[in-house]
Amino acid sequence: MNPTALKFDQNCRRCPRLVAFVEEVQAKHPDYYAAPVPPFGVEIPALLVVGLAPGMHGATATGRPFTGDGSGAMLYETLYQYGFSSAPESLSSDDGLQLFNCAITNAVKCLPPENKPVVAEVKACSAYLAGELRALNRGSVVVALGAIAHSAVLRAMGVKLAAYKFSHGGEHELPGRLTMIDSYHCSRYNTQTKRLTESMFQAVFARVKEKIVS
């Protein structure tokens, strides 16, 4: 993996476009967290869930991944169902929710315009994700929510993207005896259009439990 992996930096200003956009959001919403959003969960998890980026009225407002808007509804409910969360809902950063043997992060730590980071921004954030991946023990599982998260994990590990094709439910053995399992992103758009159903998402985490137990 990337030997120059960095620890999370709440004051990171590597991406001028993202810095400017987050500052605009903070000006409009002074009570928002409006900064790079740190990972949430245990320090060395058996399961690392990797999303795309913080949402404007979710993580950028609350300071916790997938918290405060509809994007995290299916995620936290499923984590609770499979024993990774203390509650089925994540409402605010001070709601007392805990994760068990699990952590949630994003490929890009800052809110991008239209929820679409450019490749250069994913690469700029790669060293932070690499640090999170390096902390995992052998046999751990990474769930990549969407194709961008999938590619970001591969970049952070320094492996060829072409060797690992994204597909919902796809399973990939990575260096360090890590397993990555792909899922469509649990965005409100995907769940409302039924591109991602509850049963499809639950199947991913059922497989996670099998891998962790084994």
C-alpha atoms as a PDB file:
ATOM      1  CA  MET A   1       0.000   0.000   0.000  1.00  0.00           C
ATOM      2  CA  ASN A   2       0.953   3.652  -0.216  1.00  0.00           C
ATOM      3  CA  PRO A   3       3.972   4.164   2.061  1.00  0.00           C
ATOM      4  CA  THR A   4       3.174   7.883   2.359  1.00  0.00           C
ATOM      5  CA  ALA A   5      -0.282   7.280   3.818  1.00  0.00           C
ATOM      6  CA  LEU A   6      -1.440  10.159   5.992  1.00  0.00           C
ATOM      7  CA  LYS A   7      -3.627  10.315   9.055  1.00  0.00           C
ATOM      8  CA  PHE A   8      -6.886  12.227   8.787  1.00  0.00           C
ATOM      9  CA  ASP A   9      -6.412  16.006   8.726  1.00  0.00           C
ATOM     10  CA  GLN A  10      -9.434  18.161   9.525  1.00  0.00           C
ATOM     11  CA  ASN A  11      -7.547  21.182   8.173  1.00  0.00           C
ATOM     12  CA  CYS A  12      -6.614  19.590   4.843  1.00  0.00           C
ATOM     13  CA  ARG A  13      -6.678  22.042   1.918  1.00  0.00           C
ATOM     14  CA  ARG A  14      -5.302  19.821  -0.847  1.00  0.00           C
ATOM     15  CA  CYS A  15      -8.210  20.445  -3.240  1.00  0.00           C
ATOM     16  CA  PRO A  16      -8.855  24.136  -3.978  1.00  0.00           C
ATOM     17  CA  ARG A  17     -12.237  23.491  -5.635  1.00  0.00           C
ATOM     18  CA  LEU A  18     -13.506  21.517  -2.656  1.00  0.00           C
ATOM     19  CA  VAL A  19     -12.130  24.007  -0.134  1.00  0.00           C
ATOM     20  CA  ALA A  20     -13.908  26.857  -1.935  1.00  0.00           C
ATOM     21  CA  PHE A  21     -17.172  24.940  -2.155  1.00  0.00           C
ATOM     22  CA  VAL A  22     -17.186  23.913   1.510  1.00  0.00           C
ATOM     23  CA  GLU A  23     -16.476  27.536   2.459  1.00  0.00           C
ATOM     24  CA  GLU A  24     -19.525  28.593   0.407  1.00  0.00           C
ATOM     25  CA  VAL A  25     -21.653  26.042   2.226  1.00  0.00           C
ATOM     26  CA  GLN A  26     -20.381  27.249   5.590  1.00  0.00           C
ATOM     27  CA  ALA A  27     -21.220  30.836   4.685  1.00  0.00           C
ATOM     28  CA  LYS A  28     -24.797  29.799   3.859  1.00  0.00           C
ATOM     29  CA  HIS A  29     -25.089  27.464   6.854  1.00  0.00           C
ATOM     30  CA  PRO A  30     -22.950  28.833   9.722  1.00  0.00           C
ATOM     31  CA  ASP A  31     -24.066  26.057  12.077  1.00  0.00           C
ATOM     32  CA  TYR A  32     -22.821  23.281   9.768  1.00  0.00           C
ATOM     33  CA  TYR A  33     -19.670  21.272  10.513  1.00  0.00           C
ATOM     34  CA  ALA A  34     -18.381  22.246   7.022  1.00  0.00           C
ATOM     35  CA  ALA A  35     -14.911  20.669   7.035  1.00  0.00           C
ATOM     36  CA  PRO A  36     -13.286  17.392   5.975  1.00  0.00           C
ATOM     37  CA  VAL A  37     -15.350  14.615   7.574  1.00  0.00           C
ATOM     38  CA  PRO A  38     -13.398  12.033   9.601  1.00  0.00           C
ATOM     39  CA  PRO A  39     -14.036   8.288   9.621  1.00  0.00           C
ATOM     40  CA  PHE A  40     -16.537   7.070  12.210  1.00  0.00           C
ATOM     41  CA  GLY A  41     -16.298   3.856  14.185  1.00  0.00           C
ATOM     42  CA  VAL A  42     -13.691   1.686  15.869  1.00  0.00           C
ATOM     43  CA  GLU A  43     -10.006   2.340  15.311  1.00  0.00           C
ATOM     44  CA  ILE A  44      -9.163  -1.067  13.825  1.00  0.00           C
ATOM     45  CA  PRO A  45     -12.368  -2.525  12.366  1.00  0.00           C
ATOM     46  CA  ALA A  46     -12.986  -5.915  10.811  1.00  0.00           C
ATOM     47  CA  LEU A  47     -15.357  -4.115   8.419  1.00  0.00           C
ATOM     48  CA  LEU A  48     -14.544  -0.824   6.700  1.00  0.00           C
ATOM     49  CA  VAL A  49     -17.401   0.711   4.693  1.00  0.00           C
ATOM     50  CA  VAL A  50     -16.171   3.182   2.059  1.00  0.00           C
ATOM     51  CA  GLY A  51     -18.629   5.684   0.613  1.00  0.00           C
ATOM     52  CA  LEU A  52     -18.176   8.382  -2.003  1.00  0.00           C
ATOM     53  CA  ALA A  53     -18.115  11.748  -0.212  1.00  0.00           C
ATOM     54  CA  PRO A  54     -19.996  13.671   2.499  1.00  0.00           C
ATOM     55  CA  GLY A  55     -23.497  14.898   1.656  1.00  0.00           C
ATOM     56  CA  MET A  56     -24.315  18.606   1.867  1.00  0.00           C
ATOM     57  CA  HIS A  57     -27.096  18.356   4.441  1.00  0.00           C
ATOM     58  CA  GLY A  58     -25.841  15.117   5.951  1.00  0.00           C
ATOM     59  CA  ALA A  59     -22.207  14.567   6.881  1.00  0.00           C
ATOM     60  CA  THR A  60     -21.150  18.111   5.951  1.00  0.00           C
ATOM     61  CA  ALA A  61     -23.785  19.383   8.399  1.00  0.00           C
ATOM     62  CA  THR A  62     -23.227  16.840  11.187  1.00  0.00           C
ATOM     63  CA  GLY A  63     -19.571  15.894  10.851  1.00  0.00           C
ATOM     64  CA  ARG A  64     -20.300  12.156  10.746  1.00  0.00           C
ATOM     65  CA  PRO A  65     -20.474   9.955   7.607  1.00  0.00           C
ATOM     66  CA  PHE A  66     -23.979   9.103   6.356  1.00  0.00           C
ATOM     67  CA  THR A  67     -25.609  11.013   9.227  1.00  0.00           C
ATOM     68  CA  GLY A  68     -28.347  13.631   9.038  1.00  0.00           C
ATOM     69  CA  ASP A  69     -29.922  12.900   5.656  1.00  0.00           C
ATOM     70  CA  GLY A  70     -31.591  10.035   3.818  1.00  0.00           C
ATOM     71  CA  SER A  71     -28.431   8.554   2.324  1.00  0.00           C
ATOM     72  CA  GLY A  72     -27.567   6.661   5.472  1.00  0.00           C
ATOM     73  CA  ALA A  73     -31.016   5.222   6.217  1.00  0.00           C
ATOM     74  CA  MET A  74     -30.464   1.850   4.583  1.00  0.00           C
ATOM     75  CA  LEU A  75     -26.821   1.681   5.647  1.00  0.00           C
ATOM     76  CA  TYR A  76     -27.357   2.133   9.382  1.00  0.00           C
ATOM     77  CA  GLU A  77     -30.458  -0.059   9.422  1.00  0.00           C
ATOM     78  CA  THR A  78     -28.483  -2.844   7.757  1.00  0.00           C
ATOM     79  CA  LEU A  79     -25.461  -2.401  10.005  1.00  0.00           C
ATOM     80  CA  TYR A  80     -27.788  -2.681  13.001  1.00  0.00           C
ATOM     81  CA  GLN A  81     -29.447  -5.788  11.581  1.00  0.00           C
ATOM     82  CA  TYR A  82     -26.085  -7.536  11.228  1.00  0.00           C
ATOM     83  CA  GLY A  83     -24.724  -6.483  14.618  1.00  0.00           C
ATOM     84  CA  PHE A  84     -22.369  -3.699  13.558  1.00  0.00           C
ATOM     85  CA  SER A  85     -24.342  -0.757  15.028  1.00  0.00           C
ATOM     86  CA  SER A  86     -26.037  -0.001  18.340  1.00  0.00           C
ATOM     87  CA  ALA A  87     -29.068   1.610  16.653  1.00  0.00           C
ATOM     88  CA  PRO A  88     -30.859   1.421  13.281  1.00  0.00           C
ATOM     89  CA  GLU A  89     -30.781   5.187  12.729  1.00  0.00           C
ATOM     90  CA  SER A  90     -28.054   7.820  12.694  1.00  0.00           C
ATOM     91  CA  LEU A  91     -29.618  11.209  13.368  1.00  0.00           C
ATOM     92  CA  SER A  92     -26.807  13.426  14.663  1.00  0.00           C
ATOM     93  CA  SER A  93     -23.201  13.183  15.781  1.00  0.00           C
ATOM     94  CA  ASP A  94     -24.269  13.299  19.443  1.00  0.00           C
ATOM     95  CA  ASP A  95     -27.077  10.710  19.307  1.00  0.00           C
ATOM     96  CA  GLY A  96     -25.006   8.105  21.150  1.00  0.00           C
ATOM     97  CA  LEU A  97     -24.847   5.639  18.262  1.00  0.00           C
ATOM     98  CA  GLN A  98     -21.863   3.286  18.346  1.00  0.00           C
ATOM     99  CA  LEU A  99     -20.374   0.966  15.758  1.00  0.00           C
ATOM    100  CA  PHE A 100     -19.092  -2.487  16.664  1.00  0.00           C
ATOM    101  CA  ASN A 101     -16.050  -3.912  14.850  1.00  0.00           C
ATOM    102  CA  CYS A 102     -16.888  -1.498  12.020  1.00  0.00           C
ATOM    103  CA  ALA A 103     -15.918   1.904  10.677  1.00  0.00           C
ATOM    104  CA  ILE A 104     -17.372   4.113   7.951  1.00  0.00           C
ATOM    105  CA  THR A 105     -15.358   6.490   5.803  1.00  0.00           C
ATOM    106  CA  ASN A 106     -15.486   8.212   2.413  1.00  0.00           C
ATOM    107  CA  ALA A 107     -13.183   8.091  -0.580  1.00  0.00           C
ATOM    108  CA  VAL A 108     -13.243  11.899  -0.606  1.00  0.00           C
ATOM    109  CA  LYS A 109     -13.438  13.574   2.787  1.00  0.00           C
ATOM    110  CA  CYS A 110     -14.900  16.924   1.610  1.00  0.00           C
ATOM    111  CA  LEU A 111     -18.222  17.758  -0.020  1.00  0.00           C
ATOM    112  CA  PRO A 112     -17.840  18.042  -3.816  1.00  0.00           C
ATOM    113  CA  PRO A 113     -20.144  20.159  -6.005  1.00  0.00           C
ATOM    114  CA  GLU A 114     -23.126  18.064  -7.215  1.00  0.00           C
ATOM    115  CA  ASN A 115     -21.696  15.130  -5.205  1.00  0.00           C
ATOM    116  CA  LYS A 116     -19.227  14.535  -8.040  1.00  0.00           C
ATOM    117  CA  PRO A 117     -15.525  14.626  -7.168  1.00  0.00           C
ATOM    118  CA  VAL A 118     -13.091  14.708 -10.064  1.00  0.00           C
ATOM    119  CA  VAL A 119     -10.390  12.052 -10.373  1.00  0.00           C
ATOM    120  CA  ALA A 120      -7.686  14.471  -9.181  1.00  0.00           C
ATOM    121  CA  GLU A 121      -9.625  15.023  -5.947  1.00  0.00           C
ATOM    122  CA  VAL A 122     -10.026  11.288  -5.368  1.00  0.00           C
ATOM    123  CA  LYS A 123      -6.288  10.898  -5.901  1.00  0.00           C
ATOM    124  CA  ALA A 124      -5.501  13.813  -3.574  1.00  0.00           C
ATOM    125  CA  CYS A 125      -7.484  12.107  -0.802  1.00  0.00           C
ATOM    126  CA  SER A 126      -6.022   8.687  -1.533  1.00  0.00           C
ATOM    127  CA  ALA A 127      -3.273   8.897   1.071  1.00  0.00           C
ATOM    128  CA  TYR A 128      -5.849   9.280   3.848  1.00  0.00           C
ATOM    129  CA  LEU A 129      -7.801   6.246   2.672  1.00  0.00           C
ATOM    130  CA  ALA A 130      -4.541   4.325   2.328  1.00  0.00           C
ATOM    131  CA  GLY A 131      -3.833   5.020   5.984  1.00  0.00           C
ATOM    132  CA  GLU A 132      -7.214   3.601   6.967  1.00  0.00           C
ATOM    133  CA  LEU A 133      -6.666   0.500   4.844  1.00  0.00           C
ATOM    134  CA  ARG A 134      -3.183  -0.057   6.224  1.00  0.00           C
ATOM    135  CA  ALA A 135      -4.603  -0.136   9.744  1.00  0.00           C
ATOM    136  CA  LEU A 136      -6.806  -3.134   8.919  1.00  0.00           C
ATOM    137  CA  ASN A 137      -5.844  -6.577  10.097  1.00  0.00           C
ATOM    138  CA  ARG A 138      -5.466  -9.472   7.680  1.00  0.00           C
ATOM    139  CA  GLY A 139      -8.834 -11.041   6.951  1.00  0.00           C
ATOM    140  CA  SER A 140     -10.744  -7.769   7.231  1.00  0.00           C
ATOM    141  CA  VAL A 141     -13.483  -6.822   4.765  1.00  0.00           C
ATOM    142  CA  VAL A 142     -13.953  -3.581   2.854  1.00  0.00           C
ATOM    143  CA  VAL A 143     -17.382  -2.750   1.432  1.00  0.00           C
ATOM    144  CA  ALA A 144     -17.128  -0.268  -1.452  1.00  0.00           C
ATOM    145  CA  LEU A 145     -20.335   1.696  -1.979  1.00  0.00           C
ATOM    146  CA  GLY A 146     -20.324   2.487  -5.678  1.00  0.00           C
ATOM    147  CA  ALA A 147     -17.811   2.422  -8.493  1.00  0.00           C
ATOM    148  CA  ILE A 148     -15.921   5.541  -7.372  1.00  0.00           C
ATOM    149  CA  ALA A 149     -15.342   4.102  -3.902  1.00  0.00           C
ATOM    150  CA  HIS A 150     -14.320   0.807  -5.519  1.00  0.00           C
ATOM    151  CA  SER A 151     -11.712   2.552  -7.675  1.00  0.00           C
ATOM    152  CA  ALA A 152     -10.548   4.713  -4.760  1.00  0.00           C
ATOM    153  CA  VAL A 153      -9.788   1.642  -2.656  1.00  0.00           C
ATOM    154  CA  LEU A 154      -7.762   0.120  -5.495  1.00  0.00           C
ATOM    155  CA  ARG A 155      -5.832   3.361  -6.033  1.00  0.00           C
ATOM    156  CA  ALA A 156      -5.116   3.663  -2.310  1.00  0.00           C
ATOM    157  CA  MET A 157      -3.730   0.127  -2.314  1.00  0.00           C
ATOM    158  CA  GLY A 158      -1.630   0.738  -5.402  1.00  0.00           C
ATOM    159  CA  VAL A 159      -3.167  -2.034  -7.517  1.00  0.00           C
ATOM    160  CA  LYS A 160      -4.342  -1.923 -11.126  1.00  0.00           C
ATOM    161  CA  LEU A 161      -7.947  -0.818 -11.560  1.00  0.00           C
ATOM    162  CA  ALA A 162      -8.403  -2.939 -14.688  1.00  0.00           C
ATOM    163  CA  ALA A 163      -7.796  -6.131 -12.727  1.00  0.00           C
ATOM    164  CA  TYR A 164     -10.872  -5.618 -10.522  1.00  0.00           C
ATOM    165  CA  LYS A 165     -14.183  -4.876 -12.231  1.00  0.00           C
ATOM    166  CA  PHE A 166     -16.973  -3.248 -10.209  1.00  0.00           C
ATOM    167  CA  SER A 167     -20.246  -5.135  -9.922  1.00  0.00           C
ATOM    168  CA  HIS A 168     -22.869  -5.243  -7.212  1.00  0.00           C
ATOM    169  CA  GLY A 169     -22.005  -8.178  -4.964  1.00  0.00           C
ATOM    170  CA  GLY A 170     -18.641  -8.587  -6.650  1.00  0.00           C
ATOM    171  CA  GLU A 171     -15.951  -9.969  -4.346  1.00  0.00           C
ATOM    172  CA  HIS A 172     -12.250  -9.246  -4.733  1.00  0.00           C
ATOM    173  CA  GLU A 173      -9.231 -10.580  -2.868  1.00  0.00           C
ATOM    174  CA  LEU A 174      -6.776  -7.745  -2.286  1.00  0.00           C
ATOM    175  CA  PRO A 175      -3.185  -7.587  -1.004  1.00  0.00           C
ATOM    176  CA  GLY A 176      -2.784  -8.080   2.735  1.00  0.00           C
ATOM    177  CA  ARG A 177      -5.517 -10.740   2.743  1.00  0.00           C
ATOM    178  CA  LEU A 178      -8.224  -8.102   2.581  1.00  0.00           C
ATOM    179  CA  THR A 179     -11.518  -8.777   0.818  1.00  0.00           C
ATOM    180  CA  MET A 180     -13.435  -6.027  -0.977  1.00  0.00           C
ATOM    181  CA  ILE A 181     -17.127  -6.554  -1.659  1.00  0.00           C
ATOM    182  CA  ASP A 182     -18.858  -4.129  -4.020  1.00  0.00           C
ATOM    183  CA  SER A 183     -22.318  -2.676  -3.597  1.00  0.00           C
ATOM    184  CA  TYR A 184     -24.332  -0.063  -5.382  1.00  0.00           C
ATOM    185  CA  HIS A 185     -24.273   3.103  -3.315  1.00  0.00           C
ATOM    186  CA  CYS A 186     -27.131   3.337  -0.811  1.00  0.00           C
ATOM    187  CA  SER A 187     -28.104   6.806  -2.016  1.00  0.00           C
ATOM    188  CA  ARG A 188     -31.716   7.865  -1.841  1.00  0.00           C
ATOM    189  CA  TYR A 189     -31.823   7.910  -5.658  1.00  0.00           C
ATOM    190  CA  ASN A 190     -30.664   4.290  -5.907  1.00  0.00           C
ATOM    191  CA  THR A 191     -33.045   3.074  -3.212  1.00  0.00           C
ATOM    192  CA  GLN A 192     -36.060   4.984  -4.536  1.00  0.00           C
ATOM    193  CA  THR A 193     -35.511   3.762  -8.091  1.00  0.00           C
ATOM    194  CA  LYS A 194     -34.984   0.209  -6.769  1.00  0.00           C
ATOM    195  CA  ARG A 195     -31.599  -0.055  -8.397  1.00  0.00           C
ATOM    196  CA  LEU A 196     -30.600  -1.082  -4.896  1.00  0.00           C
ATOM    197  CA  THR A 197     -33.176  -2.969  -2.846  1.00  0.00           C
ATOM    198  CA  GLU A 198     -33.054  -3.928   0.820  1.00  0.00           C
ATOM    199  CA  SER A 199     -32.552  -7.587  -0.052  1.00  0.00           C
ATOM    200  CA  MET A 200     -29.676  -6.760  -2.406  1.00  0.00           C
ATOM    201  CA  PHE A 201     -27.962  -4.679   0.273  1.00  0.00           C
ATOM    202  CA  GLN A 202     -28.590  -7.230   3.004  1.00  0.00           C
ATOM    203  CA  ALA A 203     -27.011  -9.934   0.854  1.00  0.00           C
ATOM    204  CA  VAL A 204     -23.771  -7.936   0.787  1.00  0.00           C
ATOM    205  CA  PHE A 205     -23.626  -7.683   4.576  1.00  0.00           C
ATOM    206  CA  ALA A 206     -24.664 -11.296   5.060  1.00  0.00           C
ATOM    207  CA  ARG A 207     -21.592 -12.181   3.023  1.00  0.00           C
ATOM    208  CA  VAL A 208     -19.499  -9.787   5.134  1.00  0.00           C
ATOM    209  CA  LYS A 209     -20.553 -11.651   8.272  1.00  0.00           C
ATOM    210  CA  GLU A 210     -19.627 -14.967   6.679  1.00  0.00           C
ATOM    211  CA  LYS A 211     -16.180 -13.676   5.727  1.00  0.00           C
ATOM    212  CA  ILE A 212     -15.475 -12.170   9.133  1.00  0.00           C
ATOM    213  CA  VAL A 213     -16.589 -15.280  11.014  1.00  0.00           C
ATOM    214  CA  SER A 214     -14.530 -17.545   8.781  1.00  0.00           C
END
